[in-house]
Amino acid sequence: MAKKSNPKRLLKIFSGVLLFFTLPALLFFGFIYLKYNEDLPVGKQGPKADQLASKMLTALNEDAYLNTNYLEWTFKNRHHYKWYKTDNICEVFWADFRVVLDLNNTSNSEVYVAQQAYNGVEKSDYIDKAKDYFNNDSFWLVAPYKVFDMGTERRLVKTEEGKEALLVTYTTGGTTPGDSYLWHLDSAYKPISFQMWVNILPIQGLEATWEGWITTESGAQLPTLHKMLVIALEIDKVKGIRIKD
C-alpha cells in the first residue's frame, strides 16, 4: 500500500529549499547594497562644469564623432546595430527580428520576422522593443558624446579624493528620463568610469568602467568593454565610418 504524502511535510521541505537558495542571494544583495549604495552627489552648475565636459569631448575627438555618418556594433553578442546617423535610421537585429527603426518618427519603422515583412498586431510592440534596445545599447557606446544633449544638466563635483568629476543629469529624452551619471576622468580627461543613479537599478551609485577604447576608421573613439561588479558588458564588431557624399 502506497504511503500518502504529508502536505505539511512537503510544504516544510519546499520552504527549506526556497530558503536555502534565497537566503544567500538576499545576504549578497544586502552586502552589495550597504557597500555600494550612495546618495546622488551635490554639484555646481555653471561654466566650470561645462568646461570639464568640453575637455572630455576634446579628449575623445568629438569632431570626428560628429562627422561619423555610420556606426555599427554588437552589444553583449545579442543585439546588432547598423546606425545611419545622418539619416537617423537604425537597423536593429535580435533573434529572428530586424527592425528598421526611424528615430525621427517611429511609426514609420519597418519590422521583419525571419526576413519577411511583418505588419501584424504586434508590430508596434516590436518597434517599441527595438527602440528600448537602441536607447540602452547605444548609450553604452556613445554616452560621452551626449553630455550636451538637449535636456541635460551638467554639474562639477569634487570627489572624496579631491578630483573633479562631471555629473550629467538627463531631464528629458531616452527611455528613463531623470537618470544621472557621474563621469570619472583620467589626467587627459578621457572617461575611465561612471557611477549611475538610474531608475532601473535598485542600488544607486554603482560604478561601471569605460575601457577597451578603439579609434574607428572615422577617427571617433569608442569603448568595447564595461565592467560592473562581476558583470562584463562587451561591445564588439564596432565600426565608425565617415561616408562622403
Foldseek 3Di string as FASTA:
>chain_A
DDDDDDPVVVVVVVVVVVCVPVVVVVVVVVVCQVVFFDDDDDFAFDDVQVVLLVLQCVLQVVVLVVLFQWKWKDKQVAWTWIARPVQCWIWIDGDQKTKGARRVDRVPIWIDGNNHTDDDPCPVVVSVVRLLCCLVPVCLWCVSSCQPPPQKTWGWDQDPVRDTWIKIARQDDGDFHGKIKIFDADPSSHTQKIFIDGDVDPGGRWIKGFDCWDQAPSRGITGAWIDTPPDIIGMDPIHTHRDDD
